[in-house]
């Protein structure tokens, strides 16, 4: 539902912008011009080295191990700067961009399970066992914020309107609870003592609220006019605490699909 609302909002923005008058660059002769007198809608075929600022939504899912039931939804902003003119042979011709993204809204929807919090204690008749809390639910919806301060992107020169790109990036994620959930199953149905090991219910069986998000992505800009584009992308993202918590189950791989809208200056 949230993704549907976000897509409707973006569609309205796109419609409003596209209804305004079209602005294009005048082409000149040369490898990036498209010929003398031809209007160039794609500014990345020029040598202007523009800034770009955008809004975007992402949605995806886990794809490895037992993470197929993990879902993701986030919304945020993008800012980038093209640093070089176009270079390279043939289809590889393009330019280099440095960018960043921030997602003040980030959620992950995960399965729920139960665990207990247990410690090792001496039993009432000697020996050691586990003193445990009542079982409680873990998992469910996690809310947080994410920033990707390093995005290294190669924009291919493309056509008058279409610009493919590839990128590598790295970011940081904070969640309101330790992510992903870890622990269990409970040792018993009630709180109390039992002569048993802790299983995965011990004080050191926790993850972290901080995770890192290295990622690789591909995408395309579609220029409706010289300073406006619709952006589509797909990222393969890894989520890991780098052992900041006692346990680091992470999300080894997820796929995130992006819909965005950008202004080029």
C-alpha atoms as a PDB file:
ATOM      1  CA  UNK A   1       0.000   0.000   0.000  1.00  0.00           C
ATOM      2  CA  UNK A   2       2.785   2.445   0.890  1.00  0.00           C
ATOM      3  CA  UNK A   3       4.611   1.666  -2.363  1.00  0.00           C
ATOM      4  CA  UNK A   4       1.413   2.216  -4.355  1.00  0.00           C
ATOM      5  CA  UNK A   5       0.871   5.638  -2.746  1.00  0.00           C
ATOM      6  CA  UNK A   6       4.502   6.608  -3.439  1.00  0.00           C
ATOM      7  CA  UNK A   7       4.198   5.580  -7.085  1.00  0.00           C
ATOM      8  CA  UNK A   8       1.003   7.646  -7.489  1.00  0.00           C
ATOM      9  CA  UNK A   9       2.736  10.717  -6.003  1.00  0.00           C
ATOM     10  CA  UNK A  10       5.710  10.320  -8.334  1.00  0.00           C
ATOM     11  CA  UNK A  11       3.406   9.880 -11.315  1.00  0.00           C
ATOM     12  CA  UNK A  12       1.653  13.144 -10.462  1.00  0.00           C
ATOM     13  CA  UNK A  13       4.999  14.967 -10.237  1.00  0.00           C
ATOM     14  CA  UNK A  14       6.102  13.527 -13.572  1.00  0.00           C
ATOM     15  CA  UNK A  15       2.819  14.463 -15.229  1.00  0.00           C
ATOM     16  CA  UNK A  16       2.999  18.029 -13.951  1.00  0.00           C
ATOM     17  CA  UNK A  17       6.577  18.478 -15.169  1.00  0.00           C
ATOM     18  CA  UNK A  18       6.029  16.885 -18.568  1.00  0.00           C
ATOM     19  CA  UNK A  19       3.040  19.137 -19.240  1.00  0.00           C
ATOM     20  CA  UNK A  20       5.268  22.242 -19.022  1.00  0.00           C
ATOM     21  CA  UNK A  21       7.199  23.520 -22.013  1.00  0.00           C
ATOM     22  CA  UNK A  22      10.066  21.368 -23.290  1.00  0.00           C
ATOM     23  CA  UNK A  23      13.639  22.614 -22.952  1.00  0.00           C
ATOM     24  CA  UNK A  24      16.451  21.062 -24.958  1.00  0.00           C
ATOM     25  CA  UNK A  25      20.106  21.629 -25.647  1.00  0.00           C
ATOM     26  CA  UNK A  26      21.118  22.595 -29.180  1.00  0.00           C
ATOM     27  CA  UNK A  27      23.347  19.952 -30.624  1.00  0.00           C
ATOM     28  CA  UNK A  28      26.621  20.687 -32.360  1.00  0.00           C
ATOM     29  CA  UNK A  29      28.723  18.486 -34.551  1.00  0.00           C
ATOM     30  CA  UNK A  30      30.919  15.956 -32.795  1.00  0.00           C
ATOM     31  CA  UNK A  31      30.753  12.506 -31.150  1.00  0.00           C
ATOM     32  CA  UNK A  32      28.327  13.606 -28.436  1.00  0.00           C
ATOM     33  CA  UNK A  33      26.072  15.943 -30.352  1.00  0.00           C
ATOM     34  CA  UNK A  34      23.808  13.917 -32.605  1.00  0.00           C
ATOM     35  CA  UNK A  35      24.580  16.314 -35.477  1.00  0.00           C
ATOM     36  CA  UNK A  36      24.445  20.054 -36.118  1.00  0.00           C
ATOM     37  CA  UNK A  37      21.083  21.637 -35.425  1.00  0.00           C
ATOM     38  CA  UNK A  38      19.641  18.528 -33.718  1.00  0.00           C
ATOM     39  CA  UNK A  39      17.960  19.154 -30.337  1.00  0.00           C
ATOM     40  CA  UNK A  40      19.633  17.033 -27.644  1.00  0.00           C
ATOM     41  CA  UNK A  41      17.319  16.056 -24.800  1.00  0.00           C
ATOM     42  CA  UNK A  42      20.009  14.051 -22.962  1.00  0.00           C
ATOM     43  CA  UNK A  43      22.422  16.451 -21.161  1.00  0.00           C
ATOM     44  CA  UNK A  44      24.861  13.621 -20.435  1.00  0.00           C
ATOM     45  CA  UNK A  45      25.892  13.604 -24.099  1.00  0.00           C
ATOM     46  CA  UNK A  46      27.144  17.166 -23.626  1.00  0.00           C
ATOM     47  CA  UNK A  47      30.217  18.381 -21.734  1.00  0.00           C
ATOM     48  CA  UNK A  48      28.168  20.345 -19.180  1.00  0.00           C
ATOM     49  CA  UNK A  49      28.988  17.951 -16.271  1.00  0.00           C
ATOM     50  CA  UNK A  50      25.659  18.681 -14.540  1.00  0.00           C
ATOM     51  CA  UNK A  51      24.447  18.226 -10.980  1.00  0.00           C
ATOM     52  CA  UNK A  52      21.360  16.103 -10.461  1.00  0.00           C
ATOM     53  CA  UNK A  53      18.893  16.052  -7.573  1.00  0.00           C
ATOM     54  CA  UNK A  54      16.078  13.564  -7.268  1.00  0.00           C
ATOM     55  CA  UNK A  55      13.462  11.780  -5.201  1.00  0.00           C
ATOM     56  CA  UNK A  56      13.065   8.007  -5.247  1.00  0.00           C
ATOM     57  CA  UNK A  57      11.311   5.014  -3.765  1.00  0.00           C
ATOM     58  CA  UNK A  58      12.772   1.529  -3.488  1.00  0.00           C
ATOM     59  CA  UNK A  59      11.124  -1.809  -2.839  1.00  0.00           C
ATOM     60  CA  UNK A  60      12.594  -5.298  -2.833  1.00  0.00           C
ATOM     61  CA  UNK A  61      13.042  -8.671  -1.228  1.00  0.00           C
ATOM     62  CA  UNK A  62      15.683 -11.061   0.095  1.00  0.00           C
ATOM     63  CA  UNK A  63      16.920 -13.789  -2.244  1.00  0.00           C
ATOM     64  CA  UNK A  64      19.305 -16.065  -0.325  1.00  0.00           C
ATOM     65  CA  UNK A  65      19.129 -18.699   2.417  1.00  0.00           C
ATOM     66  CA  UNK A  66      16.018 -18.159   4.579  1.00  0.00           C
ATOM     67  CA  UNK A  67      15.595 -14.484   3.581  1.00  0.00           C
ATOM     68  CA  UNK A  68      13.117 -14.963   0.745  1.00  0.00           C
ATOM     69  CA  UNK A  69      10.281 -13.797   3.009  1.00  0.00           C
ATOM     70  CA  UNK A  70      12.088 -10.524   3.898  1.00  0.00           C
ATOM     71  CA  UNK A  71      10.529  -7.479   2.184  1.00  0.00           C
ATOM     72  CA  UNK A  72      11.843  -3.905   1.965  1.00  0.00           C
ATOM     73  CA  UNK A  73      10.377  -0.453   1.335  1.00  0.00           C
ATOM     74  CA  UNK A  74      12.168   2.902   1.510  1.00  0.00           C
ATOM     75  CA  UNK A  75      11.824   6.480   0.275  1.00  0.00           C
ATOM     76  CA  UNK A  76      14.450   9.179   0.024  1.00  0.00           C
ATOM     77  CA  UNK A  77      16.501  11.636  -2.002  1.00  0.00           C
ATOM     78  CA  UNK A  78      19.477  11.494  -4.389  1.00  0.00           C
ATOM     79  CA  UNK A  79      22.181  14.082  -5.158  1.00  0.00           C
ATOM     80  CA  UNK A  80      25.001  13.656  -7.671  1.00  0.00           C
ATOM     81  CA  UNK A  81      27.619  15.486  -9.733  1.00  0.00           C
ATOM     82  CA  UNK A  82      29.053  14.407 -13.084  1.00  0.00           C
ATOM     83  CA  UNK A  83      32.816  14.903 -12.731  1.00  0.00           C
ATOM     84  CA  UNK A  84      34.144  14.115 -16.212  1.00  0.00           C
ATOM     85  CA  UNK A  85      33.364  14.654 -19.846  1.00  0.00           C
ATOM     86  CA  UNK A  86      32.522  11.716 -22.051  1.00  0.00           C
ATOM     87  CA  UNK A  87      35.313   9.272 -22.847  1.00  0.00           C
ATOM     88  CA  UNK A  88      35.794   5.655 -23.847  1.00  0.00           C
ATOM     89  CA  UNK A  89      35.287   3.620 -27.002  1.00  0.00           C
ATOM     90  CA  UNK A  90      32.032   2.700 -28.717  1.00  0.00           C
ATOM     91  CA  UNK A  91      29.190   1.556 -26.478  1.00  0.00           C
ATOM     92  CA  UNK A  92      31.328   2.076 -23.361  1.00  0.00           C
ATOM     93  CA  UNK A  93      31.549   5.815 -23.988  1.00  0.00           C
ATOM     94  CA  UNK A  94      30.279   7.782 -21.005  1.00  0.00           C
ATOM     95  CA  UNK A  95      31.131   9.822 -17.934  1.00  0.00           C
ATOM     96  CA  UNK A  96      31.825   9.386 -14.239  1.00  0.00           C
ATOM     97  CA  UNK A  97      29.448  10.594 -11.520  1.00  0.00           C
ATOM     98  CA  UNK A  98      29.790  10.731  -7.728  1.00  0.00           C
ATOM     99  CA  UNK A  99      26.547  10.734  -5.752  1.00  0.00           C
ATOM    100  CA  UNK A 100      24.875  10.041  -2.428  1.00  0.00           C
ATOM    101  CA  UNK A 101      21.411   8.946  -1.276  1.00  0.00           C
ATOM    102  CA  UNK A 102      19.541   9.295   2.008  1.00  0.00           C
ATOM    103  CA  UNK A 103      16.449   7.339   3.054  1.00  0.00           C
ATOM    104  CA  UNK A 104      14.775   8.861   6.122  1.00  0.00           C
ATOM    105  CA  UNK A 105      12.021   6.276   5.684  1.00  0.00           C
ATOM    106  CA  UNK A 106      13.226   2.641   5.667  1.00  0.00           C
ATOM    107  CA  UNK A 107      11.267  -0.469   6.599  1.00  0.00           C
ATOM    108  CA  UNK A 108      11.819  -4.218   6.451  1.00  0.00           C
ATOM    109  CA  UNK A 109       9.011  -6.730   6.909  1.00  0.00           C
ATOM    110  CA  UNK A 110      10.206 -10.052   8.321  1.00  0.00           C
ATOM    111  CA  UNK A 111       8.687 -13.257   9.705  1.00  0.00           C
ATOM    112  CA  UNK A 112       8.004 -13.413  13.446  1.00  0.00           C
ATOM    113  CA  UNK A 113       9.202 -16.052  15.878  1.00  0.00           C
ATOM    114  CA  UNK A 114       9.682 -16.449  19.638  1.00  0.00           C
ATOM    115  CA  UNK A 115      12.647 -16.606  21.963  1.00  0.00           C
ATOM    116  CA  UNK A 116      13.533 -16.185  25.636  1.00  0.00           C
ATOM    117  CA  UNK A 117      16.268 -14.278  27.428  1.00  0.00           C
ATOM    118  CA  UNK A 118      18.205 -16.789  29.507  1.00  0.00           C
ATOM    119  CA  UNK A 119      21.255 -16.818  31.755  1.00  0.00           C
ATOM    120  CA  UNK A 120      23.278 -19.638  33.296  1.00  0.00           C
ATOM    121  CA  UNK A 121      22.572 -20.128  37.031  1.00  0.00           C
ATOM    122  CA  UNK A 122      23.084 -22.800  39.700  1.00  0.00           C
ATOM    123  CA  UNK A 123      20.132 -25.148  40.055  1.00  0.00           C
ATOM    124  CA  UNK A 124      18.162 -25.649  43.266  1.00  0.00           C
ATOM    125  CA  UNK A 125      19.754 -29.074  43.836  1.00  0.00           C
ATOM    126  CA  UNK A 126      23.177 -28.254  42.413  1.00  0.00           C
ATOM    127  CA  UNK A 127      24.470 -28.266  38.899  1.00  0.00           C
ATOM    128  CA  UNK A 128      23.826 -25.492  36.404  1.00  0.00           C
ATOM    129  CA  UNK A 129      20.937 -24.694  34.127  1.00  0.00           C
ATOM    130  CA  UNK A 130      19.090 -21.842  32.467  1.00  0.00           C
ATOM    131  CA  UNK A 131      16.982 -19.164  34.156  1.00  0.00           C
ATOM    132  CA  UNK A 132      14.719 -17.744  31.441  1.00  0.00           C
ATOM    133  CA  UNK A 133      12.203 -14.987  30.892  1.00  0.00           C
ATOM    134  CA  UNK A 134       8.762 -15.683  29.517  1.00  0.00           C
ATOM    135  CA  UNK A 135       8.798 -16.271  25.742  1.00  0.00           C
ATOM    136  CA  UNK A 136       8.338 -13.132  23.616  1.00  0.00           C
ATOM    137  CA  UNK A 137       7.942 -12.359  19.920  1.00  0.00           C
ATOM    138  CA  UNK A 138      10.827 -11.180  17.741  1.00  0.00           C
ATOM    139  CA  UNK A 139      10.930 -10.094  14.098  1.00  0.00           C
ATOM    140  CA  UNK A 140       8.035  -8.386  12.334  1.00  0.00           C
ATOM    141  CA  UNK A 141       8.381  -4.812  11.033  1.00  0.00           C
ATOM    142  CA  UNK A 142      11.661  -2.942  11.482  1.00  0.00           C
ATOM    143  CA  UNK A 143      11.768   0.833  10.918  1.00  0.00           C
ATOM    144  CA  UNK A 144      14.905   2.881  10.424  1.00  0.00           C
ATOM    145  CA  UNK A 145      16.933   5.255   8.273  1.00  0.00           C
ATOM    146  CA  UNK A 146      19.718   4.667   5.787  1.00  0.00           C
ATOM    147  CA  UNK A 147      22.375   6.790   4.104  1.00  0.00           C
ATOM    148  CA  UNK A 148      24.552   5.837   1.150  1.00  0.00           C
ATOM    149  CA  UNK A 149      27.324   8.469   1.183  1.00  0.00           C
ATOM    150  CA  UNK A 150      29.421   6.855  -1.547  1.00  0.00           C
ATOM    151  CA  UNK A 151      27.937   6.069  -4.964  1.00  0.00           C
ATOM    152  CA  UNK A 152      30.347   5.680  -7.888  1.00  0.00           C
ATOM    153  CA  UNK A 153      28.358   5.654 -11.121  1.00  0.00           C
ATOM    154  CA  UNK A 154      29.272   5.322 -14.800  1.00  0.00           C
ATOM    155  CA  UNK A 155      26.706   6.987 -17.079  1.00  0.00           C
ATOM    156  CA  UNK A 156      26.812   5.687 -20.641  1.00  0.00           C
ATOM    157  CA  UNK A 157      26.398   8.415 -23.264  1.00  0.00           C
ATOM    158  CA  UNK A 158      23.214   6.718 -24.456  1.00  0.00           C
ATOM    159  CA  UNK A 159      20.764   8.144 -26.977  1.00  0.00           C
ATOM    160  CA  UNK A 160      18.862  11.439 -27.116  1.00  0.00           C
ATOM    161  CA  UNK A 161      16.579  10.334 -24.282  1.00  0.00           C
ATOM    162  CA  UNK A 162      17.899   7.088 -22.741  1.00  0.00           C
ATOM    163  CA  UNK A 163      21.003   6.877 -20.518  1.00  0.00           C
ATOM    164  CA  UNK A 164      21.922   3.497 -18.997  1.00  0.00           C
ATOM    165  CA  UNK A 165      24.225   3.405 -15.974  1.00  0.00           C
ATOM    166  CA  UNK A 166      26.069   1.017 -13.655  1.00  0.00           C
ATOM    167  CA  UNK A 167      27.226   1.753 -10.120  1.00  0.00           C
ATOM    168  CA  UNK A 168      28.881   0.496  -6.965  1.00  0.00           C
ATOM    169  CA  UNK A 169      27.947   1.940  -3.579  1.00  0.00           C
ATOM    170  CA  UNK A 170      28.261   1.562   0.179  1.00  0.00           C
ATOM    171  CA  UNK A 171      26.000   2.748   2.967  1.00  0.00           C
ATOM    172  CA  UNK A 172      24.979   2.555   6.613  1.00  0.00           C
ATOM    173  CA  UNK A 173      21.631   1.473   8.064  1.00  0.00           C
ATOM    174  CA  UNK A 174      20.131   2.160  11.506  1.00  0.00           C
ATOM    175  CA  UNK A 175      17.004   0.361  12.753  1.00  0.00           C
ATOM    176  CA  UNK A 176      14.819   0.877  15.809  1.00  0.00           C
ATOM    177  CA  UNK A 177      15.445  -2.739  16.895  1.00  0.00           C
ATOM    178  CA  UNK A 178      18.435  -5.026  16.423  1.00  0.00           C
ATOM    179  CA  UNK A 179      18.278  -6.258  12.837  1.00  0.00           C
ATOM    180  CA  UNK A 180      17.644  -8.911  11.758  1.00  0.00           C
ATOM    181  CA  UNK A 181      15.977 -10.703  14.676  1.00  0.00           C
ATOM    182  CA  UNK A 182      17.953 -13.620  16.116  1.00  0.00           C
ATOM    183  CA  UNK A 183      17.380 -16.262  18.790  1.00  0.00           C
ATOM    184  CA  UNK A 184      15.115 -19.078  19.906  1.00  0.00           C
ATOM    185  CA  UNK A 185      13.319 -21.313  19.921  1.00  0.00           C
ATOM    186  CA  UNK A 186      12.212 -20.931  23.584  1.00  0.00           C
ATOM    187  CA  UNK A 187      13.408 -23.565  26.042  1.00  0.00           C
ATOM    188  CA  UNK A 188       9.984 -23.694  27.728  1.00  0.00           C
ATOM    189  CA  UNK A 189       6.522 -22.189  27.528  1.00  0.00           C
ATOM    190  CA  UNK A 190       6.895 -20.204  30.748  1.00  0.00           C
ATOM    191  CA  UNK A 191       9.490 -18.213  32.654  1.00  0.00           C
ATOM    192  CA  UNK A 192      11.617 -20.111  35.159  1.00  0.00           C
ATOM    193  CA  UNK A 193      14.530 -22.467  35.630  1.00  0.00           C
ATOM    194  CA  UNK A 194      15.348 -25.580  33.645  1.00  0.00           C
ATOM    195  CA  UNK A 195      18.325 -27.918  33.539  1.00  0.00           C
ATOM    196  CA  UNK A 196      19.243 -27.212  29.934  1.00  0.00           C
ATOM    197  CA  UNK A 197      21.656 -25.249  27.786  1.00  0.00           C
ATOM    198  CA  UNK A 198      20.775 -21.747  26.645  1.00  0.00           C
ATOM    199  CA  UNK A 199      20.436 -22.588  22.967  1.00  0.00           C
ATOM    200  CA  UNK A 200      20.238 -19.301  21.049  1.00  0.00           C
ATOM    201  CA  UNK A 201      18.550 -17.497  23.951  1.00  0.00           C
ATOM    202  CA  UNK A 202      21.647 -16.322  25.812  1.00  0.00           C
ATOM    203  CA  UNK A 203      22.768 -12.768  26.616  1.00  0.00           C
ATOM    204  CA  UNK A 204      25.280 -12.910  23.743  1.00  0.00           C
ATOM    205  CA  UNK A 205      22.743 -14.031  21.151  1.00  0.00           C
ATOM    206  CA  UNK A 206      21.954 -10.546  19.802  1.00  0.00           C
ATOM    207  CA  UNK A 207      22.484  -8.669  16.537  1.00  0.00           C
ATOM    208  CA  UNK A 208      22.936  -4.867  16.110  1.00  0.00           C
ATOM    209  CA  UNK A 209      20.902  -1.760  15.307  1.00  0.00           C
ATOM    210  CA  UNK A 210      23.759  -0.714  12.965  1.00  0.00           C
ATOM    211  CA  UNK A 211      24.380  -2.454   9.647  1.00  0.00           C
ATOM    212  CA  UNK A 212      26.404  -1.773   6.504  1.00  0.00           C
ATOM    213  CA  UNK A 213      24.965  -1.972   2.986  1.00  0.00           C
ATOM    214  CA  UNK A 214      27.479  -2.586   0.167  1.00  0.00           C
ATOM    215  CA  UNK A 215      25.657  -2.794  -3.148  1.00  0.00           C
ATOM    216  CA  UNK A 216      25.903  -2.961  -6.927  1.00  0.00           C
ATOM    217  CA  UNK A 217      23.302  -1.621  -9.316  1.00  0.00           C
ATOM    218  CA  UNK A 218      22.202  -0.956 -12.882  1.00  0.00           C
ATOM    219  CA  UNK A 219      19.606   1.442 -14.191  1.00  0.00           C
ATOM    220  CA  UNK A 220      18.478   3.924 -16.781  1.00  0.00           C
ATOM    221  CA  UNK A 221      17.508   7.597 -16.996  1.00  0.00           C
ATOM    222  CA  UNK A 222      14.728   8.498 -19.437  1.00  0.00           C
ATOM    223  CA  UNK A 223      14.896  12.208 -20.300  1.00  0.00           C
ATOM    224  CA  UNK A 224      11.515  13.784 -20.998  1.00  0.00           C
ATOM    225  CA  UNK A 225      13.356  17.089 -21.496  1.00  0.00           C
ATOM    226  CA  UNK A 226      16.909  18.312 -21.025  1.00  0.00           C
ATOM    227  CA  UNK A 227      16.627  18.879 -17.273  1.00  0.00           C
ATOM    228  CA  UNK A 228      14.092  16.225 -16.190  1.00  0.00           C
ATOM    229  CA  UNK A 229      14.338  12.450 -16.125  1.00  0.00           C
ATOM    230  CA  UNK A 230      12.449   9.432 -14.898  1.00  0.00           C
ATOM    231  CA  UNK A 231      14.871   6.959 -13.276  1.00  0.00           C
ATOM    232  CA  UNK A 232      14.572   3.189 -13.066  1.00  0.00           C
ATOM    233  CA  UNK A 233      17.086   0.926 -11.338  1.00  0.00           C
ATOM    234  CA  UNK A 234      17.828  -2.390  -9.671  1.00  0.00           C
ATOM    235  CA  UNK A 235      20.345  -2.909  -6.859  1.00  0.00           C
ATOM    236  CA  UNK A 236      21.807  -6.074  -5.389  1.00  0.00           C
ATOM    237  CA  UNK A 237      22.395  -5.152  -1.724  1.00  0.00           C
ATOM    238  CA  UNK A 238      24.120  -6.964   1.142  1.00  0.00           C
ATOM    239  CA  UNK A 239      23.198  -6.110   4.759  1.00  0.00           C
ATOM    240  CA  UNK A 240      25.742  -6.931   7.459  1.00  0.00           C
ATOM    241  CA  UNK A 241      26.665  -5.594  10.899  1.00  0.00           C
ATOM    242  CA  UNK A 242      30.330  -6.561  10.355  1.00  0.00           C
ATOM    243  CA  UNK A 243      29.989  -8.292  13.766  1.00  0.00           C
ATOM    244  CA  UNK A 244      29.126  -5.094  15.656  1.00  0.00           C
ATOM    245  CA  UNK A 245      26.635  -7.335  17.445  1.00  0.00           C
ATOM    246  CA  UNK A 246      27.366 -10.712  19.013  1.00  0.00           C
ATOM    247  CA  UNK A 247      25.719 -12.407  16.041  1.00  0.00           C
ATOM    248  CA  UNK A 248      25.784 -11.356  12.392  1.00  0.00           C
ATOM    249  CA  UNK A 249      23.159 -13.318  10.421  1.00  0.00           C
ATOM    250  CA  UNK A 250      22.564 -10.338   8.105  1.00  0.00           C
ATOM    251  CA  UNK A 251      20.868 -10.502   4.721  1.00  0.00           C
ATOM    252  CA  UNK A 252      23.454 -11.906   2.349  1.00  0.00           C
ATOM    253  CA  UNK A 253      21.657 -10.672  -0.754  1.00  0.00           C
ATOM    254  CA  UNK A 254      18.550  -8.697  -1.574  1.00  0.00           C
ATOM    255  CA  UNK A 255      17.210  -7.106  -4.748  1.00  0.00           C
ATOM    256  CA  UNK A 256      15.943  -3.508  -4.566  1.00  0.00           C
ATOM    257  CA  UNK A 257      13.965  -1.941  -7.433  1.00  0.00           C
ATOM    258  CA  UNK A 258      13.992   1.858  -7.773  1.00  0.00           C
ATOM    259  CA  UNK A 259      11.610   4.399  -9.275  1.00  0.00           C
ATOM    260  CA  UNK A 260      12.782   8.016  -9.182  1.00  0.00           C
ATOM    261  CA  UNK A 261      12.495  11.473 -10.686  1.00  0.00           C
ATOM    262  CA  UNK A 262      15.493  13.792 -11.178  1.00  0.00           C
ATOM    263  CA  UNK A 263      16.209  17.453 -11.868  1.00  0.00           C
ATOM    264  CA  UNK A 264      19.471  18.221 -13.773  1.00  0.00           C
ATOM    265  CA  UNK A 265      21.269  21.551 -13.334  1.00  0.00           C
END
